[in-house]
Amino acid sequence: MDVRAILLLGVMVVGPVSAQQVHKCVEGGKTSYQSAPCAKGAPQKTWDATPQHETYENQLRLERIRQDMRQRQQQSYRAASGGGARGAVVSQHRERDRCQAAKDHRDAMYRAAGLKRSFELSRQMDDQVYEACK
């Protein structure tokens, strides 16, 4: 077989892959979504499922959003910490009950907020514990 014929055949086979149809079939009360036509009867719905590719413009837009978010987080951290870095130095507790009460309150707030608690809540609770325990 000629090489050109093989290449032409390959291009013809690969060509339709990019645009696919999705068929919604209901058989025996069960719904299925498939790329092949329904075995029995007409599909309830058929649509083209063309994959969405990330464009360069979308990638740039997402990167700008990420940079903006990083800058906002840094500004928020600087504002909350008084503009400079401060170390967490914990001395011996003068008022042990007050310190433990602050820790217990922080733990209760964390449990109530769950895993998706905000940075602001974490910062506020940690600052209260720091003030009570220094």
N, C-alpha and C. Protein backbone atom coordinates (compact mmCIF):
# COMPACT_ATOMS: atom_id res chain seq x y z
N MET A 1 0.84 -1.17 0.00
CA MET A 1 0.00 0.00 0.00
C MET A 1 0.89 1.24 0.00
N ASP A 2 0.46 2.27 -0.64
CA ASP A 2 1.21 3.50 -0.75
C ASP A 2 1.20 4.24 0.60
N VAL A 3 2.31 4.91 0.94
CA VAL A 3 2.43 5.63 2.21
C VAL A 3 1.40 6.75 2.28
N ARG A 4 1.16 7.42 1.16
CA ARG A 4 0.17 8.50 1.14
C ARG A 4 -1.22 7.98 1.46
N ALA A 5 -1.55 6.80 0.99
CA ALA A 5 -2.86 6.22 1.26
C ALA A 5 -3.01 5.91 2.75
N ILE A 6 -1.94 5.43 3.35
CA ILE A 6 -1.97 5.12 4.79
C ILE A 6 -2.14 6.41 5.59
N LEU A 7 -1.40 7.46 5.22
CA LEU A 7 -1.54 8.74 5.92
C LEU A 7 -2.94 9.31 5.76
N LEU A 8 -3.49 9.23 4.57
CA LEU A 8 -4.84 9.72 4.33
C LEU A 8 -5.85 8.95 5.17
N LEU A 9 -5.69 7.64 5.22
CA LEU A 9 -6.57 6.81 6.05
C LEU A 9 -6.44 7.19 7.52
N GLY A 10 -5.21 7.43 7.98
CA GLY A 10 -4.98 7.83 9.37
C GLY A 10 -5.64 9.16 9.70
N VAL A 11 -5.55 10.13 8.79
CA VAL A 11 -6.16 11.43 9.01
C VAL A 11 -7.67 11.31 9.03
N MET A 12 -8.23 10.46 8.20
CA MET A 12 -9.67 10.28 8.17
C MET A 12 -10.17 9.64 9.46
N VAL A 13 -9.39 8.75 10.04
CA VAL A 13 -9.79 8.10 11.29
C VAL A 13 -9.65 9.06 12.46
N VAL A 14 -8.60 9.85 12.50
CA VAL A 14 -8.35 10.75 13.61
C VAL A 14 -9.25 11.97 13.55
N GLY A 15 -9.65 12.43 12.40
CA GLY A 15 -10.45 13.63 12.23
C GLY A 15 -11.70 13.69 13.08
N PRO A 16 -12.58 12.71 13.05
CA PRO A 16 -13.83 12.80 13.79
C PRO A 16 -13.68 12.68 15.30
N VAL A 17 -12.51 12.37 15.81
CA VAL A 17 -12.34 12.17 17.25
C VAL A 17 -12.58 13.45 18.03
N SER A 18 -12.24 14.60 17.49
CA SER A 18 -12.34 15.84 18.26
C SER A 18 -13.79 16.24 18.54
N ALA A 19 -14.72 15.96 17.64
CA ALA A 19 -16.12 16.30 17.86
C ALA A 19 -16.89 15.01 18.10
N GLN A 20 -17.39 14.84 19.31
CA GLN A 20 -18.11 13.63 19.66
C GLN A 20 -19.53 13.97 20.06
N GLN A 21 -20.40 13.01 19.89
CA GLN A 21 -21.77 13.18 20.32
C GLN A 21 -22.02 12.36 21.58
N VAL A 22 -22.88 12.88 22.41
CA VAL A 22 -23.29 12.18 23.62
C VAL A 22 -24.77 11.83 23.45
N HIS A 23 -25.10 10.59 23.75
CA HIS A 23 -26.48 10.11 23.64
C HIS A 23 -26.98 9.75 25.03
N LYS A 24 -28.13 10.30 25.38
CA LYS A 24 -28.78 9.96 26.66
C LYS A 24 -29.81 8.89 26.35
N CYS A 25 -29.60 7.71 26.92
CA CYS A 25 -30.49 6.58 26.65
C CYS A 25 -31.16 6.13 27.95
N VAL A 26 -32.43 5.80 27.84
CA VAL A 26 -33.18 5.27 28.98
C VAL A 26 -33.69 3.90 28.59
N GLU A 27 -33.19 2.89 29.27
CA GLU A 27 -33.60 1.51 28.98
C GLU A 27 -33.89 0.80 30.29
N GLY A 28 -35.07 0.27 30.42
CA GLY A 28 -35.45 -0.45 31.63
C GLY A 28 -35.45 0.45 32.86
N GLY A 29 -35.78 1.72 32.69
CA GLY A 29 -35.82 2.64 33.81
C GLY A 29 -34.46 3.17 34.23
N LYS A 30 -33.40 2.75 33.56
CA LYS A 30 -32.05 3.22 33.90
C LYS A 30 -31.57 4.17 32.83
N THR A 31 -30.98 5.28 33.27
CA THR A 31 -30.45 6.28 32.35
C THR A 31 -28.96 6.08 32.20
N SER A 32 -28.51 6.14 30.94
CA SER A 32 -27.07 6.05 30.68
C SER A 32 -26.69 7.09 29.65
N TYR A 33 -25.45 7.54 29.74
CA TYR A 33 -24.89 8.49 28.78
C TYR A 33 -23.75 7.77 28.08
N GLN A 34 -23.79 7.78 26.75
CA GLN A 34 -22.78 7.04 26.00
C GLN A 34 -22.47 7.73 24.70
N SER A 35 -21.33 7.35 24.12
CA SER A 35 -20.92 7.96 22.86
C SER A 35 -21.52 7.21 21.68
N ALA A 36 -21.93 5.99 21.86
CA ALA A 36 -22.55 5.20 20.79
C ALA A 36 -24.06 5.42 20.82
N PRO A 37 -24.73 5.31 19.68
CA PRO A 37 -26.19 5.44 19.67
C PRO A 37 -26.84 4.38 20.56
N CYS A 38 -28.04 4.67 21.03
CA CYS A 38 -28.76 3.76 21.91
C CYS A 38 -29.06 2.45 21.18
N ALA A 39 -29.03 1.36 21.94
CA ALA A 39 -29.27 0.04 21.35
C ALA A 39 -30.72 -0.13 20.91
N LYS A 40 -31.66 0.30 21.75
CA LYS A 40 -33.08 0.15 21.43
C LYS A 40 -33.72 1.53 21.37
N GLY A 41 -34.33 1.84 20.26
CA GLY A 41 -35.08 3.08 20.14
C GLY A 41 -34.19 4.30 19.99
N ALA A 42 -34.84 5.43 19.92
CA ALA A 42 -34.14 6.70 19.75
C ALA A 42 -33.69 7.23 21.10
N PRO A 43 -32.60 7.97 21.14
CA PRO A 43 -32.14 8.56 22.40
C PRO A 43 -33.09 9.67 22.84
N GLN A 44 -33.15 9.88 24.16
CA GLN A 44 -33.96 10.98 24.67
C GLN A 44 -33.36 12.32 24.30
N LYS A 45 -32.04 12.36 24.26
CA LYS A 45 -31.37 13.61 23.94
C LYS A 45 -30.01 13.28 23.35
N THR A 46 -29.58 14.08 22.38
CA THR A 46 -28.25 13.93 21.77
C THR A 46 -27.65 15.32 21.63
N TRP A 47 -26.37 15.46 22.00
CA TRP A 47 -25.70 16.74 21.85
C TRP A 47 -24.24 16.52 21.54
N ASP A 48 -23.62 17.56 21.00
CA ASP A 48 -22.20 17.52 20.69
C ASP A 48 -21.41 17.84 21.95
N ALA A 49 -20.40 17.05 22.20
CA ALA A 49 -19.54 17.27 23.35
C ALA A 49 -18.13 17.56 22.85
N THR A 50 -17.88 18.80 22.54
CA THR A 50 -16.56 19.18 22.07
C THR A 50 -15.73 19.59 23.27
N PRO A 51 -14.57 19.00 23.44
CA PRO A 51 -13.77 19.36 24.62
C PRO A 51 -13.33 20.82 24.58
N GLN A 52 -13.39 21.45 25.73
CA GLN A 52 -12.95 22.84 25.87
C GLN A 52 -11.46 22.82 26.19
N HIS A 53 -10.67 23.48 25.40
CA HIS A 53 -9.24 23.53 25.63
C HIS A 53 -8.89 24.84 26.32
N GLU A 54 -7.93 24.77 27.22
CA GLU A 54 -7.45 25.97 27.88
C GLU A 54 -6.77 26.85 26.85
N THR A 55 -7.23 28.05 26.73
CA THR A 55 -6.59 28.98 25.81
C THR A 55 -5.49 29.72 26.56
N TYR A 56 -4.59 30.29 25.82
CA TYR A 56 -3.50 31.05 26.41
C TYR A 56 -4.05 32.23 27.20
N GLU A 57 -5.09 32.86 26.67
CA GLU A 57 -5.68 34.01 27.34
C GLU A 57 -6.28 33.60 28.69
N ASN A 58 -6.94 32.45 28.74
CA ASN A 58 -7.51 31.97 30.01
C ASN A 58 -6.42 31.65 31.02
N GLN A 59 -5.32 31.06 30.55
CA GLN A 59 -4.21 30.76 31.46
C GLN A 59 -3.63 32.04 32.04
N LEU A 60 -3.47 33.07 31.18
CA LEU A 60 -2.96 34.35 31.67
C LEU A 60 -3.91 34.98 32.68
N ARG A 61 -5.21 34.92 32.38
CA ARG A 61 -6.21 35.49 33.29
C ARG A 61 -6.17 34.78 34.64
N LEU A 62 -6.08 33.45 34.64
CA LEU A 62 -6.02 32.71 35.89
C LEU A 62 -4.76 33.03 36.67
N GLU A 63 -3.64 33.18 35.99
CA GLU A 63 -2.40 33.52 36.68
C GLU A 63 -2.48 34.91 37.29
N ARG A 64 -3.10 35.87 36.59
CA ARG A 64 -3.27 37.21 37.17
C ARG A 64 -4.16 37.15 38.41
N ILE A 65 -5.19 36.33 38.38
CA ILE A 65 -6.07 36.18 39.54
C ILE A 65 -5.30 35.60 40.72
N ARG A 66 -4.47 34.58 40.45
CA ARG A 66 -3.67 33.96 41.52
C ARG A 66 -2.70 34.97 42.13
N GLN A 67 -2.04 35.76 41.28
CA GLN A 67 -1.11 36.78 41.79
C GLN A 67 -1.84 37.81 42.63
N ASP A 68 -3.00 38.23 42.18
CA ASP A 68 -3.80 39.19 42.94
C ASP A 68 -4.18 38.63 44.30
N MET A 69 -4.58 37.37 44.33
CA MET A 69 -4.95 36.73 45.61
C MET A 69 -3.75 36.64 46.55
N ARG A 70 -2.57 36.30 46.01
CA ARG A 70 -1.37 36.24 46.85
C ARG A 70 -1.04 37.62 47.43
N GLN A 71 -1.15 38.67 46.61
CA GLN A 71 -0.88 40.01 47.10
C GLN A 71 -1.87 40.41 48.19
N ARG A 72 -3.13 40.09 48.00
CA ARG A 72 -4.13 40.42 49.02
C ARG A 72 -3.87 39.69 50.32
N GLN A 73 -3.47 38.42 50.23
CA GLN A 73 -3.18 37.65 51.44
C GLN A 73 -1.99 38.24 52.17
N GLN A 74 -0.95 38.64 51.41
CA GLN A 74 0.21 39.23 52.04
C GLN A 74 -0.13 40.56 52.71
N GLN A 75 -0.95 41.38 52.04
CA GLN A 75 -1.36 42.65 52.63
C GLN A 75 -2.19 42.43 53.89
N SER A 76 -3.07 41.45 53.83
CA SER A 76 -3.90 41.14 55.00
C SER A 76 -3.04 40.67 56.16
N TYR A 77 -2.04 39.85 55.87
CA TYR A 77 -1.17 39.36 56.92
C TYR A 77 -0.36 40.51 57.52
N ARG A 78 0.17 41.39 56.66
CA ARG A 78 0.95 42.53 57.16
C ARG A 78 0.08 43.44 58.03
N ALA A 79 -1.15 43.68 57.61
CA ALA A 79 -2.04 44.55 58.38
C ALA A 79 -2.37 43.92 59.73
N ALA A 80 -2.60 42.62 59.74
CA ALA A 80 -2.97 41.94 60.98
C ALA A 80 -1.79 41.84 61.93
N SER A 81 -0.58 41.80 61.40
CA SER A 81 0.59 41.64 62.28
C SER A 81 1.24 42.97 62.63
N GLY A 82 0.58 44.07 62.29
CA GLY A 82 1.12 45.37 62.64
C GLY A 82 2.18 45.87 61.69
N GLY A 83 2.26 45.31 60.50
CA GLY A 83 3.20 45.80 59.50
C GLY A 83 4.54 45.11 59.53
N GLY A 84 4.88 44.45 60.57
CA GLY A 84 6.17 43.78 60.64
C GLY A 84 6.00 42.37 61.14
N ALA A 85 7.02 41.60 61.04
CA ALA A 85 6.95 40.22 61.50
C ALA A 85 7.13 40.20 63.01
N ARG A 86 6.41 39.36 63.65
CA ARG A 86 6.58 39.21 65.09
C ARG A 86 6.70 37.73 65.39
N GLY A 87 7.54 37.43 66.33
CA GLY A 87 7.75 36.05 66.70
C GLY A 87 6.80 35.64 67.80
N ALA A 88 6.54 34.37 67.89
CA ALA A 88 5.67 33.87 68.93
C ALA A 88 6.53 33.37 70.08
N VAL A 89 6.70 34.22 71.07
CA VAL A 89 7.48 33.87 72.24
C VAL A 89 6.51 33.59 73.37
N VAL A 90 6.54 32.39 73.88
CA VAL A 90 5.61 32.01 74.94
C VAL A 90 6.42 31.86 76.22
N SER A 91 6.09 32.69 77.19
CA SER A 91 6.77 32.60 78.48
C SER A 91 5.96 31.71 79.42
N GLN A 92 6.44 31.57 80.63
CA GLN A 92 5.69 30.79 81.60
C GLN A 92 4.38 31.50 81.87
N HIS A 93 3.31 30.73 81.95
CA HIS A 93 1.97 31.31 82.10
C HIS A 93 1.80 31.84 83.52
N ARG A 94 1.47 33.13 83.60
CA ARG A 94 1.19 33.72 84.91
C ARG A 94 -0.22 33.34 85.34
N GLU A 95 -1.13 33.40 84.38
CA GLU A 95 -2.52 33.05 84.68
C GLU A 95 -2.88 31.81 83.86
N ARG A 96 -2.56 30.68 84.40
CA ARG A 96 -2.73 29.42 83.68
C ARG A 96 -4.19 29.18 83.30
N ASP A 97 -5.12 29.50 84.16
CA ASP A 97 -6.54 29.28 83.87
C ASP A 97 -6.99 30.14 82.69
N ARG A 98 -6.52 31.39 82.66
CA ARG A 98 -6.90 32.29 81.57
C ARG A 98 -6.35 31.77 80.22
N CYS A 99 -5.13 31.29 80.25
CA CYS A 99 -4.51 30.75 79.03
C CYS A 99 -5.26 29.50 78.56
N GLN A 100 -5.55 28.60 79.47
CA GLN A 100 -6.26 27.37 79.09
C GLN A 100 -7.68 27.68 78.61
N ALA A 101 -8.33 28.66 79.23
CA ALA A 101 -9.67 29.04 78.80
C ALA A 101 -9.63 29.60 77.37
N ALA A 102 -8.61 30.38 77.05
CA ALA A 102 -8.47 30.91 75.69
C ALA A 102 -8.23 29.78 74.69
N LYS A 103 -7.41 28.81 75.05
CA LYS A 103 -7.17 27.66 74.16
C LYS A 103 -8.44 26.84 73.96
N ASP A 104 -9.19 26.63 75.05
CA ASP A 104 -10.43 25.87 74.94
C ASP A 104 -11.45 26.60 74.05
N HIS A 105 -11.52 27.93 74.22
CA HIS A 105 -12.43 28.73 73.39
C HIS A 105 -12.03 28.64 71.92
N ARG A 106 -10.72 28.74 71.64
CA ARG A 106 -10.23 28.64 70.26
C ARG A 106 -10.58 27.28 69.66
N ASP A 107 -10.36 26.21 70.42
CA ASP A 107 -10.68 24.87 69.92
C ASP A 107 -12.16 24.71 69.63
N ALA A 108 -13.01 25.27 70.49
CA ALA A 108 -14.45 25.19 70.28
C ALA A 108 -14.86 25.96 69.02
N MET A 109 -14.25 27.12 68.82
CA MET A 109 -14.56 27.90 67.62
C MET A 109 -14.10 27.17 66.36
N TYR A 110 -12.93 26.53 66.42
CA TYR A 110 -12.43 25.76 65.27
C TYR A 110 -13.36 24.59 64.94
N ARG A 111 -13.82 23.91 66.00
CA ARG A 111 -14.75 22.79 65.75
C ARG A 111 -16.06 23.28 65.14
N ALA A 112 -16.55 24.42 65.62
CA ALA A 112 -17.80 24.96 65.10
C ALA A 112 -17.66 25.41 63.65
N ALA A 113 -16.50 25.98 63.30
CA ALA A 113 -16.29 26.48 61.94
C ALA A 113 -15.97 25.35 60.97
N GLY A 114 -15.43 24.26 61.46
CA GLY A 114 -15.08 23.15 60.58
C GLY A 114 -13.77 23.39 59.86
N LEU A 115 -13.49 22.54 58.87
CA LEU A 115 -12.23 22.61 58.15
C LEU A 115 -12.12 23.82 57.22
N LYS A 116 -13.24 24.39 56.87
CA LYS A 116 -13.21 25.52 55.94
C LYS A 116 -13.29 26.86 56.67
N ARG A 117 -12.66 26.94 57.84
CA ARG A 117 -12.68 28.20 58.58
C ARG A 117 -11.83 29.23 57.85
N SER A 118 -12.15 30.48 58.10
CA SER A 118 -11.48 31.56 57.40
C SER A 118 -10.14 31.88 58.06
N PHE A 119 -9.31 32.53 57.29
CA PHE A 119 -8.02 32.98 57.81
C PHE A 119 -8.22 34.00 58.92
N GLU A 120 -9.23 34.87 58.75
CA GLU A 120 -9.48 35.90 59.74
C GLU A 120 -9.86 35.29 61.09
N LEU A 121 -10.69 34.24 61.06
CA LEU A 121 -11.08 33.58 62.31
C LEU A 121 -9.86 32.95 62.97
N SER A 122 -9.05 32.26 62.19
CA SER A 122 -7.85 31.62 62.74
C SER A 122 -6.93 32.65 63.35
N ARG A 123 -6.74 33.74 62.64
CA ARG A 123 -5.85 34.79 63.13
C ARG A 123 -6.38 35.40 64.43
N GLN A 124 -7.69 35.67 64.48
CA GLN A 124 -8.29 36.27 65.67
C GLN A 124 -8.16 35.33 66.88
N MET A 125 -8.46 34.05 66.67
CA MET A 125 -8.39 33.10 67.77
C MET A 125 -6.95 32.91 68.25
N ASP A 126 -6.01 32.82 67.32
CA ASP A 126 -4.61 32.65 67.71
C ASP A 126 -4.08 33.89 68.43
N ASP A 127 -4.51 35.07 68.02
CA ASP A 127 -4.11 36.29 68.71
C ASP A 127 -4.65 36.32 70.14
N GLN A 128 -5.88 35.88 70.32
CA GLN A 128 -6.45 35.84 71.68
C GLN A 128 -5.68 34.89 72.57
N VAL A 129 -5.31 33.72 72.02
CA VAL A 129 -4.54 32.76 72.81
C VAL A 129 -3.16 33.34 73.12
N TYR A 130 -2.56 33.99 72.15
CA TYR A 130 -1.25 34.60 72.37
C TYR A 130 -1.30 35.64 73.50
N GLU A 131 -2.32 36.50 73.46
CA GLU A 131 -2.45 37.54 74.49
C GLU A 131 -2.71 36.94 75.87
N ALA A 132 -3.48 35.87 75.92
CA ALA A 132 -3.81 35.27 77.21
C ALA A 132 -2.64 34.48 77.77
N CYS A 133 -1.80 33.95 76.92
CA CYS A 133 -0.73 33.06 77.39
C CYS A 133 0.65 33.71 77.49
N LYS A 134 0.82 34.94 77.06
CA LYS A 134 2.17 35.54 77.09
C LYS A 134 2.60 35.93 78.48
